[in-house]
All heavy atoms as atom14 arrays in JSON, in Angstrom:
{
  "sequence": "NNIDAELITYEKIDETYAAYYAGRCDAVSEWGPSL",
  "atom14_mask": [
    [1, 1, 1, 1, 1, 1, 1, 1, 0, 0, 0, 0, 0, 0],
    [1, 1, 1, 1, 1, 1, 1, 1, 0, 0, 0, 0, 0, 0],
    [1, 1, 1, 1, 1, 1, 1, 1, 0, 0, 0, 0, 0, 0],
    [1, 1, 1, 1, 1, 1, 1, 1, 0, 0, 0, 0, 0, 0],
    [1, 1, 1, 1, 1, 0, 0, 0, 0, 0, 0, 0, 0, 0],
    [1, 1, 1, 1, 1, 1, 1, 1, 1, 0, 0, 0, 0, 0],
    [1, 1, 1, 1, 1, 1, 1, 1, 0, 0, 0, 0, 0, 0],
    [1, 1, 1, 1, 1, 1, 1, 1, 0, 0, 0, 0, 0, 0],
    [1, 1, 1, 1, 1, 1, 1, 0, 0, 0, 0, 0, 0, 0],
    [1, 1, 1, 1, 1, 1, 1, 1, 1, 1, 1, 1, 0, 0],
    [1, 1, 1, 1, 1, 1, 1, 1, 1, 0, 0, 0, 0, 0],
    [1, 1, 1, 1, 1, 1, 1, 1, 1, 0, 0, 0, 0, 0],
    [1, 1, 1, 1, 1, 1, 1, 1, 0, 0, 0, 0, 0, 0],
    [1, 1, 1, 1, 1, 1, 1, 1, 0, 0, 0, 0, 0, 0],
    [1, 1, 1, 1, 1, 1, 1, 1, 1, 0, 0, 0, 0, 0],
    [1, 1, 1, 1, 1, 1, 1, 0, 0, 0, 0, 0, 0, 0],
    [1, 1, 1, 1, 1, 1, 1, 1, 1, 1, 1, 1, 0, 0],
    [1, 1, 1, 1, 1, 0, 0, 0, 0, 0, 0, 0, 0, 0],
    [1, 1, 1, 1, 1, 0, 0, 0, 0, 0, 0, 0, 0, 0],
    [1, 1, 1, 1, 1, 1, 1, 1, 1, 1, 1, 1, 0, 0],
    [1, 1, 1, 1, 1, 1, 1, 1, 1, 1, 1, 1, 0, 0],
    [1, 1, 1, 1, 1, 0, 0, 0, 0, 0, 0, 0, 0, 0],
    [1, 1, 1, 1, 0, 0, 0, 0, 0, 0, 0, 0, 0, 0],
    [1, 1, 1, 1, 1, 1, 1, 1, 1, 1, 1, 0, 0, 0],
    [1, 1, 1, 1, 1, 1, 0, 0, 0, 0, 0, 0, 0, 0],
    [1, 1, 1, 1, 1, 1, 1, 1, 0, 0, 0, 0, 0, 0],
    [1, 1, 1, 1, 1, 0, 0, 0, 0, 0, 0, 0, 0, 0],
    [1, 1, 1, 1, 1, 1, 1, 0, 0, 0, 0, 0, 0, 0],
    [1, 1, 1, 1, 1, 1, 0, 0, 0, 0, 0, 0, 0, 0],
    [1, 1, 1, 1, 1, 1, 1, 1, 1, 0, 0, 0, 0, 0],
    [1, 1, 1, 1, 1, 1, 1, 1, 1, 1, 1, 1, 1, 1],
    [1, 1, 1, 1, 0, 0, 0, 0, 0, 0, 0, 0, 0, 0],
    [1, 1, 1, 1, 1, 1, 1, 0, 0, 0, 0, 0, 0, 0],
    [1, 1, 1, 1, 1, 1, 0, 0, 0, 0, 0, 0, 0, 0],
    [1, 1, 1, 1, 1, 1, 1, 1, 0, 0, 0, 0, 0, 0]
  ],
  "atom14_positions": [
    [[-13.49, 8.3, 8.44], [-12.63, 9.17, 9.3], [-12.22, 10.46, 8.6], [-11.39, 11.18, 9.06], [-11.36, 8.44, 9.68], [-11.64, 7.34, 10.73], [-11.77, 7.62, 11.96], [-11.85, 6.11, 10.3], [0.0, 0.0, 0.0], [0.0, 0.0, 0.0], [0.0, 0.0, 0.0], [0.0, 0.0, 0.0], [0.0, 0.0, 0.0], [0.0, 0.0, 0.0]],
    [[-12.91, 10.72, 7.42], [-12.7, 11.93, 6.67], [-11.2, 12.18, 6.34], [-10.68, 13.3, 6.49], [-13.24, 13.15, 7.42], [-14.72, 13.1, 7.61], [-15.47, 12.82, 6.67], [-15.21, 13.25, 8.83], [0.0, 0.0, 0.0], [0.0, 0.0, 0.0], [0.0, 0.0, 0.0], [0.0, 0.0, 0.0], [0.0, 0.0, 0.0], [0.0, 0.0, 0.0]],
    [[-10.51, 11.12, 5.93], [-9.17, 11.16, 5.53], [-9.05, 11.13, 3.99], [-9.47, 10.14, 3.41], [-8.31, 10.07, 6.14], [-8.4, 10.15, 7.67], [-6.84, 10.16, 5.65], [-7.78, 8.86, 8.33], [0.0, 0.0, 0.0], [0.0, 0.0, 0.0], [0.0, 0.0, 0.0], [0.0, 0.0, 0.0], [0.0, 0.0, 0.0], [0.0, 0.0, 0.0]],
    [[-8.64, 12.27, 3.43], [-8.53, 12.37, 1.92], [-7.2, 11.8, 1.54], [-6.18, 12.54, 1.46], [-8.81, 13.77, 1.5], [-8.75, 13.87, -0.08], [-8.86, 12.82, -0.73], [-8.64, 15.04, -0.57], [0.0, 0.0, 0.0], [0.0, 0.0, 0.0], [0.0, 0.0, 0.0], [0.0, 0.0, 0.0], [0.0, 0.0, 0.0], [0.0, 0.0, 0.0]],
    [[-7.12, 10.5, 1.16], [-5.85, 9.88, 0.74], [-6.16, 9.06, -0.49], [-7.25, 8.51, -0.61], [-5.19, 9.08, 1.82], [0.0, 0.0, 0.0], [0.0, 0.0, 0.0], [0.0, 0.0, 0.0], [0.0, 0.0, 0.0], [0.0, 0.0, 0.0], [0.0, 0.0, 0.0], [0.0, 0.0, 0.0], [0.0, 0.0, 0.0], [0.0, 0.0, 0.0]],
    [[-5.19, 8.98, -1.43], [-5.38, 8.17, -2.64], [-5.01, 6.77, -2.42], [-3.96, 6.49, -1.93], [-4.53, 8.77, -3.75], [-4.66, 8.07, -5.07], [-3.69, 8.56, -6.11], [-2.78, 9.39, -5.75], [-3.77, 8.14, -7.27], [0.0, 0.0, 0.0], [0.0, 0.0, 0.0], [0.0, 0.0, 0.0], [0.0, 0.0, 0.0], [0.0, 0.0, 0.0]],
    [[-5.86, 5.84, -2.87], [-5.5, 4.4, -2.87], [-4.94, 4.04, -4.22], [-5.49, 4.25, -5.26], [-6.78, 3.55, -2.6], [-7.31, 3.53, -1.23], [-8.55, 2.56, -1.08], [-6.28, 3.2, -0.19], [0.0, 0.0, 0.0], [0.0, 0.0, 0.0], [0.0, 0.0, 0.0], [0.0, 0.0, 0.0], [0.0, 0.0, 0.0], [0.0, 0.0, 0.0]],
    [[-3.76, 3.44, -4.19], [-3.04, 2.95, -5.38], [-3.07, 1.46, -5.33], [-2.52, 0.83, -4.44], [-1.61, 3.54, -5.5], [-1.67, 5.0, -5.45], [-0.95, 3.03, -6.77], [-0.28, 5.66, -5.47], [0.0, 0.0, 0.0], [0.0, 0.0, 0.0], [0.0, 0.0, 0.0], [0.0, 0.0, 0.0], [0.0, 0.0, 0.0], [0.0, 0.0, 0.0]],
    [[-3.75, 0.81, -6.31], [-3.91, -0.69, -6.18], [-2.97, -1.38, -7.12], [-2.61, -0.92, -8.18], [-5.42, -1.04, -6.54], [-5.7, -0.64, -7.87], [-6.32, -0.35, -5.58], [0.0, 0.0, 0.0], [0.0, 0.0, 0.0], [0.0, 0.0, 0.0], [0.0, 0.0, 0.0], [0.0, 0.0, 0.0], [0.0, 0.0, 0.0], [0.0, 0.0, 0.0]],
    [[-2.64, -2.59, -6.68], [-1.75, -3.51, -7.47], [-2.36, -4.93, -7.45], [-2.95, -5.34, -6.47], [-0.32, -3.53, -6.88], [0.33, -2.2, -6.96], [0.21, -1.25, -5.95], [1.1, -1.87, -8.12], [0.84, -0.01, -6.08], [1.66, -0.72, -8.25], [1.59, 0.31, -7.24], [2.2, 1.54, -7.33], [0.0, 0.0, 0.0], [0.0, 0.0, 0.0]],
    [[-2.17, -5.65, -8.51], [-2.71, -7.02, -8.65], [-2.13, -7.97, -7.68], [-2.79, -8.83, -7.09], [-2.55, -7.49, -10.08], [-3.0, -8.93, -10.38], [-4.46, -9.06, -10.35], [-5.14, -8.06, -10.43], [-4.91, -10.22, -10.25], [0.0, 0.0, 0.0], [0.0, 0.0, 0.0], [0.0, 0.0, 0.0], [0.0, 0.0, 0.0], [0.0, 0.0, 0.0]],
    [[-0.8, -7.85, -7.46], [-0.08, -8.81, -6.56], [0.42, -8.18, -5.31], [0.77, -6.99, -5.33], [1.12, -9.42, -7.35], [0.7, -10.19, -8.59], [1.99, -10.77, -9.26], [1.6, -11.56, -10.5], [2.76, -12.11, -11.19], [0.0, 0.0, 0.0], [0.0, 0.0, 0.0], [0.0, 0.0, 0.0], [0.0, 0.0, 0.0], [0.0, 0.0, 0.0]],
    [[0.44, -8.96, -4.25], [1.0, -8.48, -2.97], [2.41, -8.0, -3.16], [2.87, -6.97, -2.6], [0.84, -9.61, -1.88], [-0.65, -9.75, -1.58], [1.62, -9.14, -0.64], [-1.25, -8.62, -0.87], [0.0, 0.0, 0.0], [0.0, 0.0, 0.0], [0.0, 0.0, 0.0], [0.0, 0.0, 0.0], [0.0, 0.0, 0.0], [0.0, 0.0, 0.0]],
    [[3.23, -8.83, -3.85], [4.64, -8.42, -4.06], [4.78, -7.11, -4.76], [5.65, -6.35, -4.35], [5.34, -9.59, -4.94], [5.48, -10.87, -4.22], [5.2, -10.94, -3.04], [5.81, -11.86, -4.89], [0.0, 0.0, 0.0], [0.0, 0.0, 0.0], [0.0, 0.0, 0.0], [0.0, 0.0, 0.0], [0.0, 0.0, 0.0], [0.0, 0.0, 0.0]],
    [[3.91, -6.88, -5.71], [3.92, -5.56, -6.41], [3.55, -4.44, -5.48], [4.09, -3.31, -5.54], [3.01, -5.56, -7.59], [3.43, -6.51, -8.67], [2.3, -6.66, -9.72], [1.23, -6.26, -9.53], [2.68, -7.26, -10.86], [0.0, 0.0, 0.0], [0.0, 0.0, 0.0], [0.0, 0.0, 0.0], [0.0, 0.0, 0.0], [0.0, 0.0, 0.0]],
    [[2.61, -4.7, -4.56], [2.09, -3.73, -3.59], [3.26, -3.28, -2.68], [3.5, -2.07, -2.46], [1.0, -4.29, -2.76], [-0.05, -4.73, -3.62], [0.36, -3.24, -1.8], [0.0, 0.0, 0.0], [0.0, 0.0, 0.0], [0.0, 0.0, 0.0], [0.0, 0.0, 0.0], [0.0, 0.0, 0.0], [0.0, 0.0, 0.0], [0.0, 0.0, 0.0]],
    [[4.02, -4.21, -2.12], [5.11, -3.91, -1.29], [6.25, -3.22, -2.01], [6.94, -2.38, -1.48], [5.58, -5.11, -0.47], [4.68, -5.45, 0.67], [3.8, -6.52, 0.59], [4.64, -4.68, 1.86], [2.96, -6.81, 1.69], [3.85, -4.99, 2.93], [3.01, -6.1, 2.81], [2.18, -6.37, 3.87], [0.0, 0.0, 0.0], [0.0, 0.0, 0.0]],
    [[6.54, -3.77, -3.2], [7.6, -3.22, -4.02], [7.35, -1.72, -4.3], [8.23, -0.83, -4.25], [7.74, -3.94, -5.33], [0.0, 0.0, 0.0], [0.0, 0.0, 0.0], [0.0, 0.0, 0.0], [0.0, 0.0, 0.0], [0.0, 0.0, 0.0], [0.0, 0.0, 0.0], [0.0, 0.0, 0.0], [0.0, 0.0, 0.0], [0.0, 0.0, 0.0]],
    [[6.08, -1.38, -4.59], [5.78, 0.06, -4.81], [5.94, 0.87, -3.56], [6.43, 2.09, -3.61], [4.33, 0.14, -5.27], [0.0, 0.0, 0.0], [0.0, 0.0, 0.0], [0.0, 0.0, 0.0], [0.0, 0.0, 0.0], [0.0, 0.0, 0.0], [0.0, 0.0, 0.0], [0.0, 0.0, 0.0], [0.0, 0.0, 0.0], [0.0, 0.0, 0.0]],
    [[5.54, 0.3, -2.42], [5.7, 1.02, -1.14], [7.19, 1.21, -0.82], [7.64, 2.31, -0.48], [5.02, 0.21, -0.06], [5.43, 0.66, 1.37], [5.1, 1.89, 1.9], [6.18, -0.23, 2.18], [5.5, 2.32, 3.16], [6.64, 0.1, 3.42], [6.24, 1.37, 3.91], [6.64, 1.76, 5.2], [0.0, 0.0, 0.0], [0.0, 0.0, 0.0]],
    [[7.99, 0.13, -0.95], [9.43, 0.28, -0.68], [10.11, 1.28, -1.62], [11.04, 2.03, -1.24], [10.17, -1.01, -0.88], [9.72, -2.1, 0.13], [9.62, -3.43, -0.21], [9.46, -1.81, 1.48], [9.28, -4.39, 0.66], [9.08, -2.75, 2.4], [9.01, -4.1, 1.98], [8.68, -5.02, 2.89], [0.0, 0.0, 0.0], [0.0, 0.0, 0.0]],
    [[9.57, 1.42, -2.86], [10.15, 2.36, -3.82], [9.68, 3.74, -3.62], [10.12, 4.71, -4.31], [9.81, 1.87, -5.21], [0.0, 0.0, 0.0], [0.0, 0.0, 0.0], [0.0, 0.0, 0.0], [0.0, 0.0, 0.0], [0.0, 0.0, 0.0], [0.0, 0.0, 0.0], [0.0, 0.0, 0.0], [0.0, 0.0, 0.0], [0.0, 0.0, 0.0]],
    [[8.8, 4.01, -2.72], [8.3, 5.28, -2.4], [7.23, 5.85, -3.28], [6.95, 7.05, -3.32], [0.0, 0.0, 0.0], [0.0, 0.0, 0.0], [0.0, 0.0, 0.0], [0.0, 0.0, 0.0], [0.0, 0.0, 0.0], [0.0, 0.0, 0.0], [0.0, 0.0, 0.0], [0.0, 0.0, 0.0], [0.0, 0.0, 0.0], [0.0, 0.0, 0.0]],
    [[6.58, 4.95, -4.01], [5.49, 5.39, -4.88], [4.2, 5.65, -4.14], [3.24, 6.18, -4.69], [5.21, 4.27, -5.98], [6.37, 4.25, -7.0], [5.98, 3.51, -8.34], [5.85, 2.09, -8.14], [6.85, 1.27, -8.22], [8.1, 1.76, -8.53], [6.72, 0.0, -8.1], [0.0, 0.0, 0.0], [0.0, 0.0, 0.0], [0.0, 0.0, 0.0]],
    [[4.21, 5.33, -2.86], [3.09, 5.72, -2.01], [3.62, 5.94, -0.58], [4.72, 5.44, -0.24], [2.01, 4.64, -1.97], [2.61, 2.97, -1.86], [0.0, 0.0, 0.0], [0.0, 0.0, 0.0], [0.0, 0.0, 0.0], [0.0, 0.0, 0.0], [0.0, 0.0, 0.0], [0.0, 0.0, 0.0], [0.0, 0.0, 0.0], [0.0, 0.0, 0.0]],
    [[2.87, 6.69, 0.19], [3.35, 7.05, 1.54], [3.16, 5.95, 2.59], [3.87, 5.96, 3.57], [2.64, 8.27, 2.0], [2.81, 9.45, 1.08], [3.98, 9.83, 0.84], [1.84, 10.04, 0.55], [0.0, 0.0, 0.0], [0.0, 0.0, 0.0], [0.0, 0.0, 0.0], [0.0, 0.0, 0.0], [0.0, 0.0, 0.0], [0.0, 0.0, 0.0]],
    [[2.18, 5.13, 2.31], [1.87, 4.06, 3.29], [1.43, 2.8, 2.51], [1.09, 2.85, 1.31], [0.77, 4.49, 4.26], [0.0, 0.0, 0.0], [0.0, 0.0, 0.0], [0.0, 0.0, 0.0], [0.0, 0.0, 0.0], [0.0, 0.0, 0.0], [0.0, 0.0, 0.0], [0.0, 0.0, 0.0], [0.0, 0.0, 0.0], [0.0, 0.0, 0.0]],
    [[1.46, 1.66, 3.25], [0.86, 0.42, 2.72], [-0.16, -0.06, 3.69], [0.01, 0.01, 4.94], [1.94, -0.61, 2.49], [2.71, -0.92, 3.77], [1.34, -1.84, 1.82], [0.0, 0.0, 0.0], [0.0, 0.0, 0.0], [0.0, 0.0, 0.0], [0.0, 0.0, 0.0], [0.0, 0.0, 0.0], [0.0, 0.0, 0.0], [0.0, 0.0, 0.0]],
    [[-1.32, -0.51, 3.17], [-2.37, -1.05, 3.95], [-2.46, -2.52, 3.74], [-2.5, -3.0, 2.6], [-3.68, -0.37, 3.61], [-4.76, -0.98, 4.31], [0.0, 0.0, 0.0], [0.0, 0.0, 0.0], [0.0, 0.0, 0.0], [0.0, 0.0, 0.0], [0.0, 0.0, 0.0], [0.0, 0.0, 0.0], [0.0, 0.0, 0.0], [0.0, 0.0, 0.0]],
    [[-2.43, -3.31, 4.82], [-2.46, -4.81, 4.67], [-3.0, -5.4, 5.97], [-3.05, -4.79, 7.01], [-1.09, -5.23, 4.29], [-0.93, -6.73, 4.02], [-1.96, -7.2, 2.98], [-1.73, -7.06, 1.86], [-3.02, -7.73, 3.46], [0.0, 0.0, 0.0], [0.0, 0.0, 0.0], [0.0, 0.0, 0.0], [0.0, 0.0, 0.0], [0.0, 0.0, 0.0]],
    [[-3.36, -6.66, 5.79], [-3.76, -7.47, 6.96], [-2.6, -7.62, 7.89], [-1.49, -7.93, 7.48], [-4.2, -8.77, 6.41], [-4.87, -9.65, 7.3], [-5.97, -9.41, 8.18], [-4.63, -11.07, 7.54], [-6.32, -10.51, 8.87], [-5.5, -11.52, 8.48], [-3.62, -11.9, 6.99], [-5.5, -12.87, 8.93], [-3.58, -13.23, 7.4], [-4.54, -13.69, 8.4]],
    [[-2.83, -7.31, 9.16], [-1.75, -7.17, 10.19], [-0.66, -8.28, 10.25], [0.51, -7.97, 10.2], [0.0, 0.0, 0.0], [0.0, 0.0, 0.0], [0.0, 0.0, 0.0], [0.0, 0.0, 0.0], [0.0, 0.0, 0.0], [0.0, 0.0, 0.0], [0.0, 0.0, 0.0], [0.0, 0.0, 0.0], [0.0, 0.0, 0.0], [0.0, 0.0, 0.0]],
    [[-1.06, -9.58, 10.33], [0.0, -10.63, 10.38], [0.89, -10.62, 9.14], [2.11, -10.77, 9.32], [-0.86, -11.84, 10.46], [-2.16, -11.42, 11.08], [-2.42, -10.08, 10.49], [0.0, 0.0, 0.0], [0.0, 0.0, 0.0], [0.0, 0.0, 0.0], [0.0, 0.0, 0.0], [0.0, 0.0, 0.0], [0.0, 0.0, 0.0], [0.0, 0.0, 0.0]],
    [[0.3, -10.44, 7.97], [1.12, -10.43, 6.75], [1.99, -9.18, 6.72], [3.15, -9.24, 6.26], [0.22, -10.47, 5.49], [0.98, -10.27, 4.41], [0.0, 0.0, 0.0], [0.0, 0.0, 0.0], [0.0, 0.0, 0.0], [0.0, 0.0, 0.0], [0.0, 0.0, 0.0], [0.0, 0.0, 0.0], [0.0, 0.0, 0.0], [0.0, 0.0, 0.0]],
    [[1.37, -8.05, 7.22], [2.1, -6.76, 7.22], [3.44, -6.87, 8.08], [4.5, -6.58, 7.66], [1.24, -5.7, 7.74], [1.75, -4.24, 7.74], [2.01, -3.79, 6.28], [0.76, -3.31, 8.39], [0.0, 0.0, 0.0], [0.0, 0.0, 0.0], [0.0, 0.0, 0.0], [0.0, 0.0, 0.0], [0.0, 0.0, 0.0], [0.0, 0.0, 0.0]]
  ]
}
């Protein structure tokens, strides 16, 4: 879709959401039910 956005990866799901809540990324990508 020609979207130039940076993916920031984390080993654990908990760390992924913690980073998103802390504002270290603009969005979080995840499987819908878990999201």
